[in-house]
Amino acid sequence: MKANNELVEELFAAGAHLGHKTNRVHPKARKYIYTIENGVSIIDLTQTAALLKEAKEFVDKLAAENKVLLVVMTKRMSSVKVNEVCQKTGLPYINVKWPAGLLTNFDNIMKNVKQLKTMREEKLAGEWEKFVKHEQVALSKNLNRLERLYGGIATLEKLPDALFVVDIKKEKNAVKEAREKNIPVVAIADTNINPDLVDYPIPANDDSPVSIEYFVNEIVEAYNKGKK
């Protein structure tokens, strides 16, 4: 485990300390603010370092117990990175749009995932060749739509055991459903949102691609370490 000062330096280099302007700060997030500079909240990275370690320990234990972590990050600027990291490690992920009811209406959402898998298999087996060209084009469009929306969760066979969320505000529906189902949430918590909405908040900048990438790598790495 990295020494705290080394971790704080890494977090600073990633720009994790830059919060929102004071007029956008959530009252519950003030406990994580170190100071205000030019009207911008500066996050206390010693707290971030401690809470990141706590989140990583939870994720490590989750993996060691063979439990499933679902990564949720639909911000365009970093969705490709999430796709790459999760595909490489086999973690399920949502990087385009949260499918409403994924946690609260799981069986129904899984019907779409089943359709995706069936269409993949049929295409691979050459079963589409019996259709005329315009029908094949329509099938391809439908498959691409399903891949875009559900491709990242095709490996899910049951409800995830925990969520890792980037931007609690943007992913409020995912957080709400997780709370309803008592599924723990690890999340990057910027200063514009109530960090108490999640179980393992990591106070940090969730608007910078560099900062987001840093935390995605740290959490996914902790999960992989637990798997081994």
Protein backbone atom coordinates (compact mmCIF):
# COMPACT_ATOMS: atom_id res chain seq x y z
CA MET A 1 0.00 0.00 0.00
CA LYS A 2 1.31 3.45 -0.92
CA ALA A 3 2.36 5.86 1.84
CA ASN A 4 -0.19 8.61 2.44
CA ASN A 5 2.05 11.48 1.28
CA GLU A 6 2.91 9.59 -1.94
CA LEU A 7 -0.80 9.01 -2.58
CA VAL A 8 -1.64 12.68 -1.91
CA GLU A 9 1.05 13.72 -4.45
CA GLU A 10 -0.43 11.36 -7.06
CA LEU A 11 -3.93 12.71 -6.40
CA PHE A 12 -2.69 16.30 -6.71
CA ALA A 13 -0.93 15.49 -10.01
CA ALA A 14 -4.21 14.01 -11.32
CA GLY A 15 -6.05 17.24 -10.43
CA ALA A 16 -8.29 15.41 -7.96
CA HIS A 17 -8.24 18.41 -5.57
CA LEU A 18 -10.21 20.76 -7.84
CA GLY A 19 -13.85 20.95 -6.73
CA HIS A 20 -16.70 23.20 -7.84
CA LYS A 21 -17.27 26.92 -7.42
CA THR A 22 -18.53 27.87 -3.97
CA ASN A 23 -22.06 28.65 -5.21
CA ARG A 24 -22.38 25.03 -6.38
CA VAL A 25 -21.00 23.35 -3.26
CA HIS A 26 -23.38 20.96 -1.51
CA PRO A 27 -23.57 21.63 2.27
CA LYS A 28 -22.81 17.95 3.05
CA ALA A 29 -19.63 18.11 0.93
CA ARG A 30 -18.11 20.95 2.98
CA LYS A 31 -16.49 18.50 5.39
CA TYR A 32 -14.15 17.42 2.57
CA ILE A 33 -13.09 20.94 1.54
CA TYR A 34 -9.63 22.07 2.61
CA THR A 35 -9.89 25.71 1.45
CA ILE A 36 -11.38 28.07 -1.16
CA GLU A 37 -9.14 29.57 -3.85
CA ASN A 38 -10.47 32.18 -6.30
CA GLY A 39 -14.01 31.08 -5.55
CA VAL A 40 -13.24 27.40 -6.23
CA SER A 41 -13.42 24.70 -3.56
CA ILE A 42 -10.18 22.80 -2.99
CA ILE A 43 -10.69 19.23 -1.76
CA ASP A 44 -8.70 17.97 1.23
CA LEU A 45 -6.62 15.24 -0.43
CA THR A 46 -5.56 13.70 2.90
CA GLN A 47 -9.22 12.74 3.38
CA THR A 48 -9.43 11.59 -0.25
CA ALA A 49 -6.37 9.36 0.24
CA ALA A 50 -7.83 7.77 3.39
CA LEU A 51 -11.25 7.19 1.82
CA LEU A 52 -9.72 5.84 -1.41
CA LYS A 53 -7.81 3.26 0.65
CA GLU A 54 -11.04 2.31 2.43
CA ALA A 55 -12.87 1.94 -0.90
CA LYS A 56 -10.05 -0.17 -2.35
CA GLU A 57 -10.06 -2.48 0.68
CA PHE A 58 -13.82 -2.99 0.23
CA VAL A 59 -13.42 -3.71 -3.51
CA ASP A 60 -10.47 -6.05 -2.88
CA LYS A 61 -12.55 -8.04 -0.36
CA LEU A 62 -15.50 -8.08 -2.77
CA ALA A 63 -13.34 -9.68 -5.48
CA ALA A 64 -11.77 -12.16 -3.05
CA GLU A 65 -15.28 -13.36 -2.22
CA ASN A 66 -16.01 -13.75 -5.96
CA LYS A 67 -18.60 -10.97 -5.89
CA VAL A 68 -19.48 -8.77 -8.84
CA LEU A 69 -18.64 -5.06 -9.16
CA LEU A 70 -20.56 -3.06 -11.79
CA VAL A 71 -18.80 0.05 -13.11
CA VAL A 72 -21.12 2.97 -14.04
CA MET A 73 -19.65 5.90 -15.99
CA THR A 74 -21.62 7.44 -18.83
CA LYS A 75 -19.71 10.71 -19.23
CA ARG A 76 -18.69 10.90 -22.88
CA MET A 77 -15.18 12.16 -22.22
CA SER A 78 -14.18 8.99 -20.36
CA SER A 79 -16.64 6.33 -21.51
CA VAL A 80 -14.14 4.87 -24.00
CA LYS A 81 -11.54 4.49 -21.23
CA VAL A 82 -14.06 2.68 -19.01
CA ASN A 83 -14.92 0.41 -21.93
CA GLU A 84 -11.23 -0.48 -22.46
CA VAL A 85 -10.40 -1.06 -18.79
CA CYS A 86 -13.50 -3.14 -18.06
CA GLN A 87 -13.28 -5.25 -21.21
CA LYS A 88 -9.65 -6.04 -20.43
CA THR A 89 -10.54 -7.19 -16.91
CA GLY A 90 -13.95 -8.74 -17.61
CA LEU A 91 -15.85 -6.36 -15.32
CA PRO A 92 -19.44 -5.51 -16.28
CA TYR A 93 -19.98 -1.84 -17.07
CA ILE A 94 -22.46 0.81 -18.20
CA ASN A 95 -20.85 3.53 -20.30
CA VAL A 96 -23.61 4.90 -22.54
CA LYS A 97 -26.89 5.22 -20.66
CA TRP A 98 -28.21 3.75 -17.41
CA PRO A 99 -30.93 1.21 -18.35
CA ALA A 100 -33.83 2.32 -16.14
CA GLY A 101 -34.77 -0.55 -13.84
CA LEU A 102 -31.50 -2.47 -14.20
CA LEU A 103 -31.41 -3.13 -10.45
CA THR A 104 -35.09 -2.73 -9.54
CA ASN A 105 -36.47 -4.60 -12.56
CA PHE A 106 -33.50 -6.85 -13.30
CA ASP A 107 -35.33 -9.76 -14.96
CA ASN A 108 -36.97 -7.49 -17.53
CA ILE A 109 -33.69 -5.78 -18.46
CA MET A 110 -32.07 -9.21 -18.78
CA LYS A 111 -34.57 -10.05 -21.54
CA ASN A 112 -32.83 -7.40 -23.67
CA VAL A 113 -29.44 -8.89 -22.77
CA LYS A 114 -30.73 -12.35 -23.76
CA GLN A 115 -31.90 -10.95 -27.10
CA LEU A 116 -28.44 -9.43 -27.62
CA LYS A 117 -26.72 -12.77 -26.96
CA THR A 118 -29.14 -14.64 -29.25
CA MET A 119 -28.55 -12.16 -32.10
CA ARG A 120 -24.78 -12.41 -31.63
CA GLU A 121 -24.96 -16.21 -31.89
CA GLU A 122 -27.26 -16.19 -34.91
CA LYS A 123 -25.02 -13.75 -36.79
CA LEU A 124 -21.92 -15.79 -35.95
CA ALA A 125 -23.62 -19.01 -37.10
CA GLY A 126 -24.41 -17.42 -40.46
CA GLU A 127 -28.14 -17.56 -39.90
CA TRP A 128 -28.58 -14.01 -41.21
CA GLU A 129 -27.48 -15.07 -44.69
CA LYS A 130 -30.96 -16.42 -45.48
CA PHE A 131 -32.34 -12.86 -45.27
CA VAL A 132 -32.28 -10.30 -48.09
CA LYS A 133 -29.86 -7.37 -47.81
CA HIS A 134 -32.26 -4.75 -46.37
CA GLU A 135 -33.37 -7.26 -43.68
CA GLN A 136 -29.72 -7.91 -42.77
CA VAL A 137 -29.15 -4.14 -42.50
CA ALA A 138 -32.13 -3.84 -40.12
CA LEU A 139 -30.82 -6.75 -38.02
CA SER A 140 -27.35 -5.14 -37.86
CA LYS A 141 -28.85 -1.83 -36.72
CA ASN A 142 -30.81 -3.58 -33.98
CA LEU A 143 -27.75 -5.58 -32.88
CA ASN A 144 -25.60 -2.42 -32.77
CA ARG A 145 -28.23 -0.66 -30.64
CA LEU A 146 -28.36 -3.59 -28.20
CA GLU A 147 -24.54 -3.76 -28.09
CA ARG A 148 -24.35 -0.05 -27.31
CA LEU A 149 -26.88 -0.22 -24.49
CA TYR A 150 -26.33 -3.69 -23.03
CA GLY A 151 -22.97 -4.98 -24.34
CA GLY A 152 -21.19 -4.03 -21.12
CA ILE A 153 -23.59 -6.06 -18.95
CA ALA A 154 -23.78 -9.17 -21.17
CA THR A 155 -21.77 -11.08 -18.55
CA LEU A 156 -24.16 -10.22 -15.70
CA GLU A 157 -26.07 -13.29 -14.55
CA LYS A 158 -27.44 -11.84 -11.32
CA LEU A 159 -27.71 -8.49 -9.56
CA PRO A 160 -24.27 -6.95 -9.00
CA ASP A 161 -22.98 -7.03 -5.41
CA ALA A 162 -21.70 -3.44 -5.55
CA LEU A 163 -21.45 -0.45 -7.88
CA PHE A 164 -18.52 1.82 -8.66
CA VAL A 165 -19.96 5.12 -9.87
CA VAL A 166 -18.23 8.09 -11.46
CA ASP A 167 -20.29 11.26 -10.80
CA ILE A 168 -23.09 10.64 -8.31
CA LYS A 169 -25.09 13.56 -9.74
CA LYS A 170 -25.08 12.34 -13.35
CA GLU A 171 -25.71 8.73 -12.28
CA LYS A 172 -28.40 9.62 -9.72
CA ASN A 173 -30.76 6.94 -11.08
CA ALA A 174 -28.15 4.21 -10.63
CA VAL A 175 -27.47 5.38 -7.05
CA LYS A 176 -31.20 5.58 -6.28
CA GLU A 177 -31.82 2.02 -7.53
CA ALA A 178 -28.79 0.70 -5.62
CA ARG A 179 -30.10 2.29 -2.41
CA GLU A 180 -33.52 0.72 -2.99
CA LYS A 181 -31.91 -2.71 -3.37
CA ASN A 182 -29.37 -2.20 -0.53
CA ILE A 183 -26.46 -2.60 -2.95
CA PRO A 184 -23.32 -0.80 -1.69
CA VAL A 185 -21.96 2.03 -3.83
CA VAL A 186 -18.36 3.18 -4.17
CA ALA A 187 -18.22 6.57 -5.92
CA ILE A 188 -16.14 9.59 -6.80
CA ALA A 189 -17.92 12.37 -4.92
CA ASP A 190 -17.30 15.91 -6.18
CA THR A 191 -18.23 18.94 -4.08
CA ASN A 192 -21.53 19.60 -5.90
CA ILE A 193 -23.32 16.54 -4.50
CA ASN A 194 -24.25 14.96 -1.17
CA PRO A 195 -21.51 12.36 -0.49
CA ASP A 196 -23.72 10.67 2.11
CA LEU A 197 -25.82 9.17 -0.72
CA VAL A 198 -23.17 6.48 -1.19
CA ASP A 199 -21.47 3.96 1.12
CA TYR A 200 -17.86 4.61 0.07
CA PRO A 201 -17.50 8.22 -1.14
CA ILE A 202 -14.12 9.27 -2.56
CA PRO A 203 -14.08 13.10 -2.46
CA ALA A 204 -12.46 14.19 -5.72
CA ASN A 205 -12.81 15.97 -9.05
CA ASP A 206 -15.20 14.00 -11.29
CA ASP A 207 -15.00 16.40 -14.25
CA SER A 208 -11.39 15.93 -15.33
CA PRO A 209 -10.61 12.94 -17.61
CA VAL A 210 -7.20 12.60 -15.91
CA SER A 211 -8.76 12.46 -12.44
CA ILE A 212 -11.49 10.03 -13.57
CA GLU A 213 -8.95 7.75 -15.26
CA TYR A 214 -6.82 7.71 -12.12
CA PHE A 215 -9.69 6.50 -9.90
CA VAL A 216 -11.04 4.02 -12.44
CA ASN A 217 -7.57 2.46 -12.67
CA GLU A 218 -7.16 2.40 -8.87
CA ILE A 219 -10.53 0.74 -8.19
CA VAL A 220 -10.29 -1.77 -11.04
CA GLU A 221 -6.72 -2.63 -10.03
CA ALA A 222 -7.89 -3.23 -6.44
CA TYR A 223 -10.63 -5.54 -7.71
CA ASN A 224 -8.17 -7.49 -9.88
CA LYS A 225 -5.77 -7.80 -6.97
CA GLY A 226 -8.57 -9.28 -4.84
CA LYS A 227 -9.41 -11.75 -7.62
CA LYS A 228 -5.85 -13.09 -7.62
